Amino acid sequence: MHNEHHSSHNSPGFGTNTNGMGIFIVAAIFVIIGIFVWWLWNNNNKEFDFYRIEQAGGAHTEGHGGAHGTAALPLGMLDTVTGNYIYELGEEMEIVLPDSAKTKLMVGRNSTEAKLFNFLSNDAMQVDIVDKTKGWITCDRIFFATNQSTLTEESKAQIGRLGAILKAFGTADIKVGGYSDTTGSADVNTKLSGERAMMVATAIQTASGRTTIASEGYGPLHPISDNTTAEGRAMNRRVDIRVIKK
């Protein structure tokens, strides 16, 4: 009799353990699903960030600071000897131009050349003909002698590559913009920025075989950084290009 009662007592106990095991399995499934959803979301965000960097070039092709829009800026550092801001170009990559020779260029993933090539080769990216503050790309390796419009020797390498890209995309056209910081006279800065923009436009024109390339000096207008710091002023002293025709 005692044995029968003991056996009867064990039976509901076994049922209770089964229910507990079922709850555990269901909970485990939900945890696995949660982990999968988290991984999927995280992976998609990484892909979006990569696309944004690749296609927008650190957002420079989205526009500039001030009246030229708002954009996140890539990393870099101030060269205290030259006063230039040196941008991080990212890992080196090869781009193949759509010319008869299939010219290959080795450029930084975040470089001006990569951003221009990405814009011209991607049919989904179109010139904004309404908002002309959009689409500006900062030239990260074009520098000048202090207070002059004379290009430094190191600038010629980037100009040559930009010219080669434009030559390969025969129907494309660009405009060059020159900018300054807020130090000194705005009129003097505007004049100098215009001379620098024209100098770059002429050099790229020669390298690309173009007849003309438009240029304009904006002086202290459209800053992309804070003029109260040496780094910010160095970033604002720049030359930008904008695709005006593909």
C-alpha atoms as a PDB file:
ATOM      1  CA  MET A   1       0.000   0.000   0.000  1.00  0.00           C
ATOM      2  CA  HIS A   2       2.801   2.321   0.871  1.00  0.00           C
ATOM      3  CA  ASN A   3       4.558   1.446  -2.397  1.00  0.00           C
ATOM      4  CA  GLU A   4       1.421   2.231  -4.422  1.00  0.00           C
ATOM      5  CA  HIS A   5       1.072   5.631  -2.697  1.00  0.00           C
ATOM      6  CA  HIS A   6       4.737   6.423  -3.375  1.00  0.00           C
ATOM      7  CA  SER A   7       4.347   5.504  -7.028  1.00  0.00           C
ATOM      8  CA  SER A   8       1.253   7.695  -7.320  1.00  0.00           C
ATOM      9  CA  HIS A   9       3.135  10.598  -5.718  1.00  0.00           C
ATOM     10  CA  ASN A  10       6.030  10.319  -8.222  1.00  0.00           C
ATOM     11  CA  SER A  11       3.732  10.509 -11.232  1.00  0.00           C
ATOM     12  CA  PRO A  12       2.581  14.131 -10.766  1.00  0.00           C
ATOM     13  CA  GLY A  13       6.140  15.079  -9.836  1.00  0.00           C
ATOM     14  CA  PHE A  14       7.378  13.829 -13.200  1.00  0.00           C
ATOM     15  CA  GLY A  15       4.668  15.866 -14.946  1.00  0.00           C
ATOM     16  CA  THR A  16       5.806  19.008 -13.142  1.00  0.00           C
ATOM     17  CA  ASN A  17       9.405  18.469 -14.287  1.00  0.00           C
ATOM     18  CA  THR A  18       8.169  18.048 -17.877  1.00  0.00           C
ATOM     19  CA  ASN A  19       6.366  21.396 -17.705  1.00  0.00           C
ATOM     20  CA  GLY A  20       9.500  23.018 -16.339  1.00  0.00           C
ATOM     21  CA  MET A  21      11.576  21.530 -19.137  1.00  0.00           C
ATOM     22  CA  GLY A  22       9.068  22.861 -21.683  1.00  0.00           C
ATOM     23  CA  ILE A  23       9.277  26.353 -20.233  1.00  0.00           C
ATOM     24  CA  PHE A  24      13.064  26.137 -20.371  1.00  0.00           C
ATOM     25  CA  ILE A  25      12.998  25.088 -24.036  1.00  0.00           C
ATOM     26  CA  VAL A  26      10.615  27.914 -24.964  1.00  0.00           C
ATOM     27  CA  ALA A  27      12.796  30.437 -23.110  1.00  0.00           C
ATOM     28  CA  ALA A  28      15.896  29.114 -24.882  1.00  0.00           C
ATOM     29  CA  ILE A  29      14.192  29.511 -28.253  1.00  0.00           C
ATOM     30  CA  PHE A  30      13.292  33.115 -27.454  1.00  0.00           C
ATOM     31  CA  VAL A  31      16.895  33.799 -26.404  1.00  0.00           C
ATOM     32  CA  ILE A  32      18.211  32.306 -29.653  1.00  0.00           C
ATOM     33  CA  ILE A  33      15.724  34.357 -31.683  1.00  0.00           C
ATOM     34  CA  GLY A  34      16.720  37.478 -29.761  1.00  0.00           C
ATOM     35  CA  ILE A  35      20.410  36.851 -30.439  1.00  0.00           C
ATOM     36  CA  PHE A  36      19.684  36.300 -34.139  1.00  0.00           C
ATOM     37  CA  VAL A  37      17.632  39.506 -34.403  1.00  0.00           C
ATOM     38  CA  TRP A  38      20.382  41.453 -32.618  1.00  0.00           C
ATOM     39  CA  TRP A  39      23.040  40.038 -34.980  1.00  0.00           C
ATOM     40  CA  LEU A  40      20.928  40.815 -38.032  1.00  0.00           C
ATOM     41  CA  TRP A  41      20.276  44.387 -36.887  1.00  0.00           C
ATOM     42  CA  ASN A  42      23.915  44.982 -36.016  1.00  0.00           C
ATOM     43  CA  ASN A  43      25.094  43.538 -39.314  1.00  0.00           C
ATOM     44  CA  ASN A  44      22.677  45.704 -41.276  1.00  0.00           C
ATOM     45  CA  ASN A  45      23.849  48.811 -39.437  1.00  0.00           C
ATOM     46  CA  LYS A  46      27.455  47.981 -40.311  1.00  0.00           C
ATOM     47  CA  GLU A  47      26.525  47.574 -43.943  1.00  0.00           C
ATOM     48  CA  PHE A  48      24.735  50.933 -43.886  1.00  0.00           C
ATOM     49  CA  ASP A  49      27.692  52.654 -42.259  1.00  0.00           C
ATOM     50  CA  PHE A  50      30.043  51.119 -44.836  1.00  0.00           C
ATOM     51  CA  TYR A  51      27.779  52.265 -47.665  1.00  0.00           C
ATOM     52  CA  ARG A  52      27.546  55.759 -46.196  1.00  0.00           C
ATOM     53  CA  ILE A  53      31.309  56.029 -45.932  1.00  0.00           C
ATOM     54  CA  GLU A  54      31.919  54.537 -49.367  1.00  0.00           C
ATOM     55  CA  GLN A  55      29.250  56.409 -51.270  1.00  0.00           C
ATOM     56  CA  ALA A  56      29.246  59.658 -49.346  1.00  0.00           C
ATOM     57  CA  GLY A  57      32.915  59.705 -48.639  1.00  0.00           C
ATOM     58  CA  GLY A  58      32.748  60.530 -44.969  1.00  0.00           C
ATOM     59  CA  ALA A  59      29.674  62.589 -45.838  1.00  0.00           C
ATOM     60  CA  HIS A  60      31.591  65.174 -47.816  1.00  0.00           C
ATOM     61  CA  THR A  61      29.483  64.433 -50.867  1.00  0.00           C
ATOM     62  CA  GLU A  62      26.463  65.241 -48.721  1.00  0.00           C
ATOM     63  CA  GLY A  63      27.553  68.842 -48.331  1.00  0.00           C
ATOM     64  CA  HIS A  64      29.609  71.134 -46.146  1.00  0.00           C
ATOM     65  CA  GLY A  65      29.276  72.986 -42.908  1.00  0.00           C
ATOM     66  CA  GLY A  66      27.710  76.430 -42.673  1.00  0.00           C
ATOM     67  CA  ALA A  67      25.623  77.463 -45.665  1.00  0.00           C
ATOM     68  CA  HIS A  68      26.810  74.442 -47.622  1.00  0.00           C
ATOM     69  CA  GLY A  69      24.892  71.989 -45.452  1.00  0.00           C
ATOM     70  CA  THR A  70      25.930  69.831 -42.517  1.00  0.00           C
ATOM     71  CA  ALA A  71      28.417  66.974 -42.717  1.00  0.00           C
ATOM     72  CA  ALA A  72      30.423  64.728 -40.439  1.00  0.00           C
ATOM     73  CA  LEU A  73      34.143  65.188 -40.984  1.00  0.00           C
ATOM     74  CA  PRO A  74      36.718  62.425 -41.434  1.00  0.00           C
ATOM     75  CA  LEU A  75      39.648  61.988 -39.076  1.00  0.00           C
ATOM     76  CA  GLY A  76      42.949  63.747 -39.504  1.00  0.00           C
ATOM     77  CA  MET A  77      45.494  65.935 -37.772  1.00  0.00           C
ATOM     78  CA  LEU A  78      47.132  69.340 -38.006  1.00  0.00           C
ATOM     79  CA  ASP A  79      50.635  69.515 -39.467  1.00  0.00           C
ATOM     80  CA  THR A  80      52.140  72.134 -37.165  1.00  0.00           C
ATOM     81  CA  VAL A  81      55.072  72.721 -39.549  1.00  0.00           C
ATOM     82  CA  THR A  82      53.085  73.535 -42.705  1.00  0.00           C
ATOM     83  CA  GLY A  83      49.815  74.553 -41.047  1.00  0.00           C
ATOM     84  CA  ASN A  84      47.909  72.139 -43.289  1.00  0.00           C
ATOM     85  CA  TYR A  85      45.262  69.702 -42.107  1.00  0.00           C
ATOM     86  CA  ILE A  86      46.231  66.137 -43.082  1.00  0.00           C
ATOM     87  CA  TYR A  87      43.231  63.861 -43.515  1.00  0.00           C
ATOM     88  CA  GLU A  88      43.344  60.134 -42.865  1.00  0.00           C
ATOM     89  CA  LEU A  89      42.907  58.497 -46.274  1.00  0.00           C
ATOM     90  CA  GLY A  90      42.030  55.014 -45.009  1.00  0.00           C
ATOM     91  CA  GLU A  91      43.322  51.718 -46.343  1.00  0.00           C
ATOM     92  CA  GLU A  92      44.697  51.688 -49.860  1.00  0.00           C
ATOM     93  CA  MET A  93      42.423  50.368 -52.593  1.00  0.00           C
ATOM     94  CA  GLU A  94      42.575  49.976 -56.361  1.00  0.00           C
ATOM     95  CA  ILE A  95      40.128  51.692 -58.690  1.00  0.00           C
ATOM     96  CA  VAL A  96      39.917  50.811 -62.375  1.00  0.00           C
ATOM     97  CA  LEU A  97      38.985  53.667 -64.678  1.00  0.00           C
ATOM     98  CA  PRO A  98      36.534  53.104 -67.557  1.00  0.00           C
ATOM     99  CA  ASP A  99      39.007  54.171 -70.236  1.00  0.00           C
ATOM    100  CA  SER A 100      40.409  52.119 -73.102  1.00  0.00           C
ATOM    101  CA  ALA A 101      43.549  51.282 -71.120  1.00  0.00           C
ATOM    102  CA  LYS A 102      41.584  50.309 -67.989  1.00  0.00           C
ATOM    103  CA  THR A 103      43.899  52.572 -66.017  1.00  0.00           C
ATOM    104  CA  LYS A 104      44.407  51.494 -62.418  1.00  0.00           C
ATOM    105  CA  LEU A 105      44.908  53.943 -59.579  1.00  0.00           C
ATOM    106  CA  MET A 106      45.854  53.146 -55.997  1.00  0.00           C
ATOM    107  CA  VAL A 107      44.033  55.540 -53.679  1.00  0.00           C
ATOM    108  CA  GLY A 108      42.944  55.768 -50.061  1.00  0.00           C
ATOM    109  CA  ARG A 109      39.463  54.450 -49.361  1.00  0.00           C
ATOM    110  CA  ASN A 110      38.417  57.830 -47.919  1.00  0.00           C
ATOM    111  CA  SER A 111      40.403  59.948 -50.368  1.00  0.00           C
ATOM    112  CA  THR A 112      39.123  62.676 -52.673  1.00  0.00           C
ATOM    113  CA  GLU A 113      39.861  60.442 -55.654  1.00  0.00           C
ATOM    114  CA  ALA A 114      37.805  57.563 -54.237  1.00  0.00           C
ATOM    115  CA  LYS A 115      34.861  59.855 -53.487  1.00  0.00           C
ATOM    116  CA  LEU A 116      34.909  61.382 -56.973  1.00  0.00           C
ATOM    117  CA  PHE A 117      35.215  57.961 -58.617  1.00  0.00           C
ATOM    118  CA  ASN A 118      32.392  56.531 -56.503  1.00  0.00           C
ATOM    119  CA  PHE A 119      30.098  59.410 -57.417  1.00  0.00           C
ATOM    120  CA  LEU A 120      30.812  59.261 -61.136  1.00  0.00           C
ATOM    121  CA  SER A 121      30.616  55.462 -61.407  1.00  0.00           C
ATOM    122  CA  ASN A 122      27.409  55.042 -59.383  1.00  0.00           C
ATOM    123  CA  ASP A 123      24.328  55.680 -61.541  1.00  0.00           C
ATOM    124  CA  ALA A 124      22.178  55.985 -58.414  1.00  0.00           C
ATOM    125  CA  MET A 125      24.097  59.107 -57.347  1.00  0.00           C
ATOM    126  CA  GLN A 126      22.952  62.136 -59.299  1.00  0.00           C
ATOM    127  CA  VAL A 127      23.934  65.797 -59.382  1.00  0.00           C
ATOM    128  CA  ASP A 128      21.619  67.953 -57.302  1.00  0.00           C
ATOM    129  CA  ILE A 129      20.709  70.733 -59.742  1.00  0.00           C
ATOM    130  CA  VAL A 130      18.388  72.440 -57.235  1.00  0.00           C
ATOM    131  CA  ASP A 131      20.506  72.638 -54.079  1.00  0.00           C
ATOM    132  CA  LYS A 132      23.990  73.525 -55.251  1.00  0.00           C
ATOM    133  CA  THR A 133      25.362  73.355 -51.716  1.00  0.00           C
ATOM    134  CA  LYS A 134      25.250  69.569 -52.046  1.00  0.00           C
ATOM    135  CA  GLY A 135      27.919  67.325 -53.482  1.00  0.00           C
ATOM    136  CA  TRP A 136      31.101  69.191 -52.506  1.00  0.00           C
ATOM    137  CA  ILE A 137      34.201  67.051 -51.940  1.00  0.00           C
ATOM    138  CA  THR A 138      37.205  68.449 -50.076  1.00  0.00           C
ATOM    139  CA  CYS A 139      40.573  67.963 -51.762  1.00  0.00           C
ATOM    140  CA  ASP A 140      42.608  66.297 -49.024  1.00  0.00           C
ATOM    141  CA  ARG A 141      46.068  66.597 -50.607  1.00  0.00           C
ATOM    142  CA  ILE A 142      46.053  69.977 -52.374  1.00  0.00           C
ATOM    143  CA  PHE A 143      48.115  72.635 -50.604  1.00  0.00           C
ATOM    144  CA  PHE A 144      49.597  76.064 -51.325  1.00  0.00           C
ATOM    145  CA  ALA A 145      52.516  78.214 -50.272  1.00  0.00           C
ATOM    146  CA  THR A 146      51.569  80.429 -47.327  1.00  0.00           C
ATOM    147  CA  ASN A 147      49.395  83.393 -48.401  1.00  0.00           C
ATOM    148  CA  GLN A 148      49.968  82.507 -52.051  1.00  0.00           C
ATOM    149  CA  SER A 149      48.155  80.680 -54.842  1.00  0.00           C
ATOM    150  CA  THR A 150      51.242  78.649 -55.751  1.00  0.00           C
ATOM    151  CA  LEU A 151      50.608  74.909 -55.553  1.00  0.00           C
ATOM    152  CA  THR A 152      53.060  72.760 -53.613  1.00  0.00           C
ATOM    153  CA  GLU A 153      54.811  69.904 -55.408  1.00  0.00           C
ATOM    154  CA  GLU A 154      52.908  67.268 -53.428  1.00  0.00           C
ATOM    155  CA  SER A 155      49.618  68.715 -54.683  1.00  0.00           C
ATOM    156  CA  LYS A 156      50.417  67.806 -58.276  1.00  0.00           C
ATOM    157  CA  ALA A 157      50.044  64.075 -57.626  1.00  0.00           C
ATOM    158  CA  GLN A 158      46.423  64.413 -56.533  1.00  0.00           C
ATOM    159  CA  ILE A 159      45.646  66.836 -59.334  1.00  0.00           C
ATOM    160  CA  GLY A 160      47.027  64.312 -61.808  1.00  0.00           C
ATOM    161  CA  ARG A 161      44.826  61.530 -60.431  1.00  0.00           C
ATOM    162  CA  LEU A 162      41.732  63.748 -60.404  1.00  0.00           C
ATOM    163  CA  GLY A 163      42.500  64.701 -63.990  1.00  0.00           C
ATOM    164  CA  ALA A 164      42.813  61.040 -64.981  1.00  0.00           C
ATOM    165  CA  ILE A 165      39.426  60.243 -63.412  1.00  0.00           C
ATOM    166  CA  LEU A 166      37.721  63.123 -65.218  1.00  0.00           C
ATOM    167  CA  LYS A 167      39.376  62.145 -68.486  1.00  0.00           C
ATOM    168  CA  ALA A 168      38.014  58.602 -68.127  1.00  0.00           C
ATOM    169  CA  PHE A 169      34.506  59.933 -67.474  1.00  0.00           C
ATOM    170  CA  GLY A 170      34.448  62.091 -70.586  1.00  0.00           C
ATOM    171  CA  THR A 171      31.004  63.631 -70.087  1.00  0.00           C
ATOM    172  CA  ALA A 172      31.611  64.655 -66.474  1.00  0.00           C
ATOM    173  CA  ASP A 173      32.339  68.220 -65.442  1.00  0.00           C
ATOM    174  CA  ILE A 174      33.272  69.801 -62.117  1.00  0.00           C
ATOM    175  CA  LYS A 175      33.462  73.167 -60.396  1.00  0.00           C
ATOM    176  CA  VAL A 176      36.313  74.123 -58.059  1.00  0.00           C
ATOM    177  CA  GLY A 177      35.683  76.188 -54.937  1.00  0.00           C
ATOM    178  CA  GLY A 178      38.300  77.952 -52.830  1.00  0.00           C
ATOM    179  CA  TYR A 179      37.827  78.734 -49.122  1.00  0.00           C
ATOM    180  CA  SER A 180      39.687  80.446 -46.289  1.00  0.00           C
ATOM    181  CA  ASP A 181      39.528  80.789 -42.537  1.00  0.00           C
ATOM    182  CA  THR A 182      38.367  84.010 -40.849  1.00  0.00           C
ATOM    183  CA  THR A 183      41.849  85.349 -40.060  1.00  0.00           C
ATOM    184  CA  GLY A 184      42.502  88.742 -41.651  1.00  0.00           C
ATOM    185  CA  SER A 185      40.448  90.686 -44.166  1.00  0.00           C
ATOM    186  CA  ALA A 186      37.457  88.899 -45.670  1.00  0.00           C
ATOM    187  CA  ASP A 187      38.020  90.708 -48.985  1.00  0.00           C
ATOM    188  CA  VAL A 188      41.655  89.635 -49.150  1.00  0.00           C
ATOM    189  CA  ASN A 189      40.725  86.071 -48.207  1.00  0.00           C
ATOM    190  CA  THR A 190      37.997  85.927 -50.840  1.00  0.00           C
ATOM    191  CA  LYS A 191      40.404  87.159 -53.510  1.00  0.00           C
ATOM    192  CA  LEU A 192      43.111  84.673 -52.517  1.00  0.00           C
ATOM    193  CA  SER A 193      40.636  81.781 -52.316  1.00  0.00           C
ATOM    194  CA  GLY A 194      39.461  82.657 -55.829  1.00  0.00           C
ATOM    195  CA  GLU A 195      43.017  82.675 -57.159  1.00  0.00           C
ATOM    196  CA  ARG A 196      43.695  79.314 -55.532  1.00  0.00           C
ATOM    197  CA  ALA A 197      40.503  77.816 -56.944  1.00  0.00           C
ATOM    198  CA  MET A 198      41.412  79.055 -60.411  1.00  0.00           C
ATOM    199  CA  MET A 199      44.921  77.637 -60.095  1.00  0.00           C
ATOM    200  CA  VAL A 200      43.537  74.193 -59.212  1.00  0.00           C
ATOM    201  CA  ALA A 201      40.887  74.379 -61.932  1.00  0.00           C
ATOM    202  CA  THR A 202      43.526  75.206 -64.537  1.00  0.00           C
ATOM    203  CA  ALA A 203      45.784  72.373 -63.386  1.00  0.00           C
ATOM    204  CA  ILE A 204      42.965  69.801 -63.415  1.00  0.00           C
ATOM    205  CA  GLN A 205      41.809  71.183 -66.756  1.00  0.00           C
ATOM    206  CA  THR A 206      45.238  70.481 -68.232  1.00  0.00           C
ATOM    207  CA  ALA A 207      45.458  67.014 -66.657  1.00  0.00           C
ATOM    208  CA  SER A 208      41.988  66.005 -67.839  1.00  0.00           C
ATOM    209  CA  GLY A 209      42.110  67.545 -71.310  1.00  0.00           C
ATOM    210  CA  ARG A 210      39.126  69.752 -70.554  1.00  0.00           C
ATOM    211  CA  THR A 211      38.599  73.049 -72.363  1.00  0.00           C
ATOM    212  CA  THR A 212      37.430  74.883 -69.260  1.00  0.00           C
ATOM    213  CA  ILE A 213      36.690  74.101 -65.617  1.00  0.00           C
ATOM    214  CA  ALA A 214      34.696  76.606 -63.586  1.00  0.00           C
ATOM    215  CA  SER A 215      36.057  77.993 -60.319  1.00  0.00           C
ATOM    216  CA  GLU A 216      34.998  80.434 -57.612  1.00  0.00           C
ATOM    217  CA  GLY A 217      36.432  81.814 -54.379  1.00  0.00           C
ATOM    218  CA  TYR A 218      34.150  81.891 -51.353  1.00  0.00           C
ATOM    219  CA  GLY A 219      36.640  83.185 -48.787  1.00  0.00           C
ATOM    220  CA  PRO A 220      35.488  82.606 -45.191  1.00  0.00           C
ATOM    221  CA  LEU A 221      31.978  81.541 -46.238  1.00  0.00           C
ATOM    222  CA  HIS A 222      30.850  77.930 -45.771  1.00  0.00           C
ATOM    223  CA  PRO A 223      33.261  76.830 -42.994  1.00  0.00           C
ATOM    224  CA  ILE A 224      33.409  73.131 -42.245  1.00  0.00           C
ATOM    225  CA  SER A 225      34.998  73.514 -38.814  1.00  0.00           C
ATOM    226  CA  ASP A 226      35.494  75.911 -35.916  1.00  0.00           C
ATOM    227  CA  ASN A 227      37.650  78.940 -36.741  1.00  0.00           C
ATOM    228  CA  THR A 228      38.610  79.390 -33.081  1.00  0.00           C
ATOM    229  CA  THR A 229      41.084  76.476 -33.210  1.00  0.00           C
ATOM    230  CA  ALA A 230      44.227  75.956 -35.290  1.00  0.00           C
ATOM    231  CA  GLU A 231      42.866  72.628 -36.523  1.00  0.00           C
ATOM    232  CA  GLY A 232      39.551  74.169 -37.516  1.00  0.00           C
ATOM    233  CA  ARG A 233      41.192  77.029 -39.383  1.00  0.00           C
ATOM    234  CA  ALA A 234      43.423  74.578 -41.248  1.00  0.00           C
ATOM    235  CA  MET A 235      40.367  72.582 -42.324  1.00  0.00           C
ATOM    236  CA  ASN A 236      38.612  75.723 -43.510  1.00  0.00           C
ATOM    237  CA  ARG A 237      41.588  76.733 -45.679  1.00  0.00           C
ATOM    238  CA  ARG A 238      40.785  74.325 -48.458  1.00  0.00           C
ATOM    239  CA  VAL A 239      39.811  73.668 -52.047  1.00  0.00           C
ATOM    240  CA  ASP A 240      36.682  71.651 -52.835  1.00  0.00           C
ATOM    241  CA  ILE A 241      35.308  70.193 -56.034  1.00  0.00           C
ATOM    242  CA  ARG A 242      31.700  69.535 -57.021  1.00  0.00           C
ATOM    243  CA  VAL A 243      30.442  67.437 -59.910  1.00  0.00           C
ATOM    244  CA  ILE A 244      28.070  69.652 -61.907  1.00  0.00           C
ATOM    245  CA  LYS A 245      27.530  67.184 -64.740  1.00  0.00           C
ATOM    246  CA  LYS A 246      27.880  63.413 -65.087  1.00  0.00           C
END
